[in-house]
PDB file of N, CA and C in Angstrom:
ATOM      1  N   UNK A   1       0.823  -1.185   0.000  1.00  0.00           N
ATOM      2  CA  UNK A   1       0.000   0.000   0.000  1.00  0.00           C
ATOM      3  C   UNK A   1       0.870   1.253   0.000  1.00  0.00           C
ATOM      4  N   UNK A   2       1.810   1.356   0.922  1.00  0.00           N
ATOM      5  CA  UNK A   2       2.654   2.546   0.999  1.00  0.00           C
ATOM      6  C   UNK A   2       3.692   2.584  -0.123  1.00  0.00           C
ATOM      7  N   UNK A   3       3.987   1.435  -0.747  1.00  0.00           N
ATOM      8  CA  UNK A   3       4.935   1.423  -1.852  1.00  0.00           C
ATOM      9  C   UNK A   3       4.422   2.285  -3.016  1.00  0.00           C
ATOM     10  N   UNK A   4       3.162   2.105  -3.348  1.00  0.00           N
ATOM     11  CA  UNK A   4       2.579   2.888  -4.435  1.00  0.00           C
ATOM     12  C   UNK A   4       2.406   4.348  -4.029  1.00  0.00           C
ATOM     13  N   UNK A   5       1.931   4.583  -2.821  1.00  0.00           N
ATOM     14  CA  UNK A   5       1.658   5.941  -2.360  1.00  0.00           C
ATOM     15  C   UNK A   5       2.927   6.801  -2.361  1.00  0.00           C
ATOM     16  N   UNK A   6       4.024   6.243  -1.840  1.00  0.00           N
ATOM     17  CA  UNK A   6       5.284   6.984  -1.768  1.00  0.00           C
ATOM     18  C   UNK A   6       6.201   6.726  -2.965  1.00  0.00           C
ATOM     19  N   UNK A   7       5.703   5.964  -3.936  1.00  0.00           N
ATOM     20  CA  UNK A   7       6.456   5.634  -5.157  1.00  0.00           C
ATOM     21  C   UNK A   7       7.798   4.972  -4.842  1.00  0.00           C
ATOM     22  N   UNK A   8       7.753   3.993  -3.950  1.00  0.00           N
ATOM     23  CA  UNK A   8       8.947   3.241  -3.577  1.00  0.00           C
ATOM     24  C   UNK A   8       9.061   2.005  -4.443  1.00  0.00           C
ATOM     25  N   UNK A   9      10.271   1.594  -4.712  1.00  0.00           N
ATOM     26  CA  UNK A   9      10.490   0.376  -5.485  1.00  0.00           C
ATOM     27  C   UNK A   9      10.873  -0.799  -4.598  1.00  0.00           C
ATOM     28  N   UNK A  10      11.243  -0.526  -3.342  1.00  0.00           N
ATOM     29  CA  UNK A  10      11.635  -1.578  -2.396  1.00  0.00           C
ATOM     30  C   UNK A  10      10.954  -1.332  -1.067  1.00  0.00           C
ATOM     31  N   UNK A  11      10.761  -2.405  -0.313  1.00  0.00           N
ATOM     32  CA  UNK A  11      10.180  -2.286   1.020  1.00  0.00           C
ATOM     33  C   UNK A  11      11.236  -1.753   1.978  1.00  0.00           C
ATOM     34  N   UNK A  12      10.984  -0.602   2.625  1.00  0.00           N
ATOM     35  CA  UNK A  12      11.990  -0.031   3.526  1.00  0.00           C
ATOM     36  C   UNK A  12      11.968  -0.644   4.928  1.00  0.00           C
ATOM     37  N   UNK A  13      10.938  -1.397   5.277  1.00  0.00           N
ATOM     38  CA  UNK A  13      10.805  -1.934   6.627  1.00  0.00           C
ATOM     39  C   UNK A  13      10.780  -3.453   6.598  1.00  0.00           C
ATOM     40  N   UNK A  14      11.925  -4.051   6.785  1.00  0.00           N
ATOM     41  CA  UNK A  14      12.067  -5.505   6.803  1.00  0.00           C
ATOM     42  C   UNK A  14      12.634  -5.930   8.152  1.00  0.00           C
ATOM     43  N   UNK A  15      12.687  -7.229   8.401  1.00  0.00           N
ATOM     44  CA  UNK A  15      13.206  -7.753   9.663  1.00  0.00           C
ATOM     45  C   UNK A  15      14.690  -7.430   9.821  1.00  0.00           C
ATOM     46  N   UNK A  16      15.480  -7.715   8.796  1.00  0.00           N
ATOM     47  CA  UNK A  16      16.902  -7.383   8.872  1.00  0.00           C
ATOM     48  C   UNK A  16      17.131  -6.054   8.155  1.00  0.00           C
ATOM     49  N   UNK A  17      17.993  -5.223   8.701  1.00  0.00           N
ATOM     50  CA  UNK A  17      18.200  -3.890   8.129  1.00  0.00           C
ATOM     51  C   UNK A  17      18.851  -3.938   6.749  1.00  0.00           C
ATOM     52  N   UNK A  18      18.443  -3.019   5.912  1.00  0.00           N
ATOM     53  CA  UNK A  18      19.005  -2.893   4.576  1.00  0.00           C
ATOM     54  C   UNK A  18      19.904  -1.660   4.554  1.00  0.00           C
ATOM     55  N   UNK A  19      21.211  -1.824   4.354  1.00  0.00           N
ATOM     56  CA  UNK A  19      22.123  -0.679   4.366  1.00  0.00           C
ATOM     57  C   UNK A  19      21.795   0.392   3.328  1.00  0.00           C
ATOM     58  N   UNK A  20      21.030   0.052   2.302  1.00  0.00           N
ATOM     59  CA  UNK A  20      20.658   1.053   1.307  1.00  0.00           C
ATOM     60  C   UNK A  20      19.738   2.117   1.888  1.00  0.00           C
ATOM     61  N   UNK A  21      19.073   1.814   2.998  1.00  0.00           N
ATOM     62  CA  UNK A  21      18.203   2.775   3.654  1.00  0.00           C
ATOM     63  C   UNK A  21      18.875   3.403   4.872  1.00  0.00           C
ATOM     64  N   UNK A  22      20.165   3.237   4.992  1.00  0.00           N
ATOM     65  CA  UNK A  22      20.897   3.725   6.159  1.00  0.00           C
ATOM     66  C   UNK A  22      21.075   5.237   6.106  1.00  0.00           C
ATOM     67  N   UNK A  23      20.725   5.898   7.171  1.00  0.00           N
ATOM     68  CA  UNK A  23      20.955   7.334   7.321  1.00  0.00           C
ATOM     69  C   UNK A  23      22.006   7.510   8.399  1.00  0.00           C
ATOM     70  N   UNK A  24      23.070   8.234   8.097  1.00  0.00           N
ATOM     71  CA  UNK A  24      24.146   8.438   9.061  1.00  0.00           C
ATOM     72  C   UNK A  24      24.109   9.858   9.603  1.00  0.00           C
ATOM     73  N   UNK A  25      23.799   9.957  10.883  1.00  0.00           N
ATOM     74  CA  UNK A  25      23.872  11.237  11.569  1.00  0.00           C
ATOM     75  C   UNK A  25      25.294  11.461  12.064  1.00  0.00           C
ATOM     76  N   UNK A  26      25.524  12.573  12.735  1.00  0.00           N
ATOM     77  CA  UNK A  26      26.877  12.896  13.189  1.00  0.00           C
ATOM     78  C   UNK A  26      27.397  11.872  14.194  1.00  0.00           C
ATOM     79  N   UNK A  27      26.546  11.395  15.089  1.00  0.00           N
ATOM     80  CA  UNK A  27      26.979  10.383  16.070  1.00  0.00           C
ATOM     81  C   UNK A  27      27.281   9.053  15.396  1.00  0.00           C
ATOM     82  N   UNK A  28      26.495   8.700  14.372  1.00  0.00           N
ATOM     83  CA  UNK A  28      26.761   7.467  13.636  1.00  0.00           C
ATOM     84  C   UNK A  28      28.126   7.545  12.956  1.00  0.00           C
ATOM     85  N   UNK A  29      28.396   8.673  12.322  1.00  0.00           N
ATOM     86  CA  UNK A  29      29.674   8.852  11.630  1.00  0.00           C
ATOM     87  C   UNK A  29      30.845   8.808  12.605  1.00  0.00           C
ATOM     88  N   UNK A  30      30.671   9.407  13.771  1.00  0.00           N
ATOM     89  CA  UNK A  30      31.721   9.382  14.791  1.00  0.00           C
ATOM     90  C   UNK A  30      31.981   7.956  15.266  1.00  0.00           C
ATOM     91  N   UNK A  31      30.912   7.201  15.481  1.00  0.00           N
ATOM     92  CA  UNK A  31      31.042   5.813  15.913  1.00  0.00           C
ATOM     93  C   UNK A  31      31.745   4.974  14.847  1.00  0.00           C
ATOM     94  N   UNK A  32      31.356   5.136  13.594  1.00  0.00           N
ATOM     95  CA  UNK A  32      31.979   4.378  12.522  1.00  0.00           C
ATOM     96  C   UNK A  32      33.455   4.729  12.372  1.00  0.00           C
ATOM     97  N   UNK A  33      33.790   5.989  12.547  1.00  0.00           N
ATOM     98  CA  UNK A  33      35.199   6.386  12.482  1.00  0.00           C
ATOM     99  C   UNK A  33      35.998   5.708  13.592  1.00  0.00           C
ATOM    100  N   UNK A  34      35.421   5.614  14.782  1.00  0.00           N
ATOM    101  CA  UNK A  34      36.100   4.939  15.898  1.00  0.00           C
ATOM    102  C   UNK A  34      36.298   3.458  15.607  1.00  0.00           C
ATOM    103  N   UNK A  35      35.263   2.818  15.042  1.00  0.00           N
ATOM    104  CA  UNK A  35      35.370   1.397  14.712  1.00  0.00           C
ATOM    105  C   UNK A  35      36.407   1.170  13.615  1.00  0.00           C
ATOM    106  N   UNK A  36      36.395   2.015  12.596  1.00  0.00           N
ATOM    107  CA  UNK A  36      37.371   1.860  11.515  1.00  0.00           C
ATOM    108  C   UNK A  36      38.799   2.068  12.028  1.00  0.00           C
ATOM    109  N   UNK A  37      38.970   3.012  12.947  1.00  0.00           N
ATOM    110  CA  UNK A  37      40.286   3.244  13.543  1.00  0.00           C
ATOM    111  C   UNK A  37      40.726   2.012  14.336  1.00  0.00           C
ATOM    112  N   UNK A  38      39.814   1.439  15.117  1.00  0.00           N
ATOM    113  CA  UNK A  38      40.140   0.246  15.893  1.00  0.00           C
ATOM    114  C   UNK A  38      40.527  -0.929  15.020  1.00  0.00           C
ATOM    115  N   UNK A  39      39.830  -1.081  13.895  1.00  0.00           N
ATOM    116  CA  UNK A  39      40.162  -2.162  12.971  1.00  0.00           C
ATOM    117  C   UNK A  39      41.526  -1.917  12.327  1.00  0.00           C
ATOM    118  N   UNK A  40      41.755  -0.678  11.901  1.00  0.00           N
ATOM    119  CA  UNK A  40      43.025  -0.348  11.256  1.00  0.00           C
ATOM    120  C   UNK A  40      44.209  -0.516  12.205  1.00  0.00           C
ATOM    121  N   UNK A  41      43.994  -0.286  13.490  1.00  0.00           N
ATOM    122  CA  UNK A  41      45.060  -0.387  14.492  1.00  0.00           C
ATOM    123  C   UNK A  41      45.115  -1.769  15.147  1.00  0.00           C
ATOM    124  N   UNK A  42      44.333  -2.726  14.633  1.00  0.00           N
ATOM    125  CA  UNK A  42      44.306  -4.105  15.161  1.00  0.00           C
ATOM    126  C   UNK A  42      44.036  -4.158  16.663  1.00  0.00           C
ATOM    127  N   UNK A  43      43.053  -3.413  17.105  1.00  0.00           N
ATOM    128  CA  UNK A  43      42.669  -3.457  18.520  1.00  0.00           C
ATOM    129  C   UNK A  43      42.083  -4.830  18.824  1.00  0.00           C
ATOM    130  N   UNK A  44      42.381  -5.336  19.996  1.00  0.00           N
ATOM    131  CA  UNK A  44      41.984  -6.695  20.361  1.00  0.00           C
ATOM    132  C   UNK A  44      40.470  -6.834  20.529  1.00  0.00           C
ATOM    133  N   UNK A  45      39.809  -5.808  21.053  1.00  0.00           N
ATOM    134  CA  UNK A  45      38.383  -5.923  21.334  1.00  0.00           C
ATOM    135  C   UNK A  45      37.704  -4.585  21.120  1.00  0.00           C
ATOM    136  N   UNK A  46      36.603  -4.626  20.377  1.00  0.00           N
ATOM    137  CA  UNK A  46      35.749  -3.446  20.204  1.00  0.00           C
ATOM    138  C   UNK A  46      34.317  -3.903  20.393  1.00  0.00           C
ATOM    139  N   UNK A  47      33.501  -3.046  20.979  1.00  0.00           N
ATOM    140  CA  UNK A  47      32.120  -3.404  21.264  1.00  0.00           C
ATOM    141  C   UNK A  47      31.209  -2.291  20.799  1.00  0.00           C
ATOM    142  N   UNK A  48      30.208  -2.641  20.008  1.00  0.00           N
ATOM    143  CA  UNK A  48      29.221  -1.685  19.522  1.00  0.00           C
ATOM    144  C   UNK A  48      27.881  -2.063  20.123  1.00  0.00           C
ATOM    145  N   UNK A  49      27.342  -1.191  20.955  1.00  0.00           N
ATOM    146  CA  UNK A  49      26.049  -1.457  21.579  1.00  0.00           C
ATOM    147  C   UNK A  49      25.132  -0.259  21.364  1.00  0.00           C
ATOM    148  N   UNK A  50      23.855  -0.482  21.502  1.00  0.00           N
ATOM    149  CA  UNK A  50      22.886   0.603  21.374  1.00  0.00           C
ATOM    150  C   UNK A  50      21.479   0.087  21.592  1.00  0.00           C
ATOM    151  N   UNK A  51      20.568   1.015  21.783  1.00  0.00           N
ATOM    152  CA  UNK A  51      19.167   0.659  21.954  1.00  0.00           C
ATOM    153  C   UNK A  51      18.617   0.048  20.668  1.00  0.00           C
ATOM    154  N   UNK A  52      17.558  -0.767  20.783  1.00  0.00           N
ATOM    155  CA  UNK A  52      16.934  -1.307  19.575  1.00  0.00           C
ATOM    156  C   UNK A  52      16.490  -0.167  18.661  1.00  0.00           C
ATOM    157  N   UNK A  53      16.818  -0.290  17.392  1.00  0.00           N
ATOM    158  CA  UNK A  53      16.455   0.737  16.428  1.00  0.00           C
ATOM    159  C   UNK A  53      17.479   1.849  16.285  1.00  0.00           C
ATOM    160  N   UNK A  54      18.580   1.750  17.022  1.00  0.00           N
ATOM    161  CA  UNK A  54      19.599   2.801  16.975  1.00  0.00           C
ATOM    162  C   UNK A  54      20.481   2.704  15.741  1.00  0.00           C
ATOM    163  N   UNK A  55      20.477   1.563  15.067  1.00  0.00           N
ATOM    164  CA  UNK A  55      21.248   1.422  13.838  1.00  0.00           C
ATOM    165  C   UNK A  55      22.529   0.627  13.970  1.00  0.00           C
ATOM    166  N   UNK A  56      22.716  -0.070  15.073  1.00  0.00           N
ATOM    167  CA  UNK A  56      23.957  -0.839  15.260  1.00  0.00           C
ATOM    168  C   UNK A  56      24.110  -1.916  14.190  1.00  0.00           C
ATOM    169  N   UNK A  57      23.070  -2.689  13.966  1.00  0.00           N
ATOM    170  CA  UNK A  57      23.143  -3.764  12.962  1.00  0.00           C
ATOM    171  C   UNK A  57      23.314  -3.199  11.572  1.00  0.00           C
ATOM    172  N   UNK A  58      22.579  -2.154  11.249  1.00  0.00           N
ATOM    173  CA  UNK A  58      22.686  -1.552   9.919  1.00  0.00           C
ATOM    174  C   UNK A  58      24.080  -0.995   9.695  1.00  0.00           C
ATOM    175  N   UNK A  59      24.644  -0.345  10.704  1.00  0.00           N
ATOM    176  CA  UNK A  59      26.006   0.177  10.582  1.00  0.00           C
ATOM    177  C   UNK A  59      26.996  -0.945  10.349  1.00  0.00           C
ATOM    178  N   UNK A  60      26.842  -2.036  11.083  1.00  0.00           N
ATOM    179  CA  UNK A  60      27.742  -3.166  10.932  1.00  0.00           C
ATOM    180  C   UNK A  60      27.627  -3.767   9.533  1.00  0.00           C
ATOM    181  N   UNK A  61      26.393  -3.979   9.077  1.00  0.00           N
ATOM    182  CA  UNK A  61      26.194  -4.591   7.762  1.00  0.00           C
ATOM    183  C   UNK A  61      26.719  -3.693   6.648  1.00  0.00           C
ATOM    184  N   UNK A  62      26.587  -2.380   6.828  1.00  0.00           N
ATOM    185  CA  UNK A  62      27.071  -1.461   5.819  1.00  0.00           C
ATOM    186  C   UNK A  62      28.600  -1.416   5.783  1.00  0.00           C
ATOM    187  N   UNK A  63      29.242  -1.553   6.924  1.00  0.00           N
ATOM    188  CA  UNK A  63      30.696  -1.392   7.022  1.00  0.00           C
ATOM    189  C   UNK A  63      31.453  -2.705   7.108  1.00  0.00           C
ATOM    190  N   UNK A  64      30.754  -3.829   7.107  1.00  0.00           N
ATOM    191  CA  UNK A  64      31.427  -5.112   7.255  1.00  0.00           C
ATOM    192  C   UNK A  64      32.080  -5.504   5.929  1.00  0.00           C
ATOM    193  N   UNK A  65      33.232  -4.936   5.700  1.00  0.00           N
ATOM    194  CA  UNK A  65      33.976  -5.155   4.478  1.00  0.00           C
ATOM    195  C   UNK A  65      35.449  -4.938   4.785  1.00  0.00           C
ATOM    196  N   UNK A  66      36.334  -5.434   3.969  1.00  0.00           N
ATOM    197  CA  UNK A  66      37.755  -5.192   4.202  1.00  0.00           C
ATOM    198  C   UNK A  66      38.084  -3.708   4.100  1.00  0.00           C
ATOM    199  N   UNK A  67      38.998  -3.257   4.944  1.00  0.00           N
ATOM    200  CA  UNK A  67      39.412  -1.844   4.924  1.00  0.00           C
ATOM    201  C   UNK A  67      40.708  -1.705   4.173  1.00  0.00           C
TER     202      UNK A  67
END
């Protein structure tokens, strides 16, 4: 119903997050920069936590690639 109304070609609300619908605010960008720095510096342990719906899974899925 909302696909036609908003002229969408894909469903934006699925069980698993779709990185194509990811919006990065300033805090998201800061967090991703910290994670990328930790990966680049071979830090032994990094932890990403947040409230449900905060974007932790989407951020991970979007950035889970070789640096």
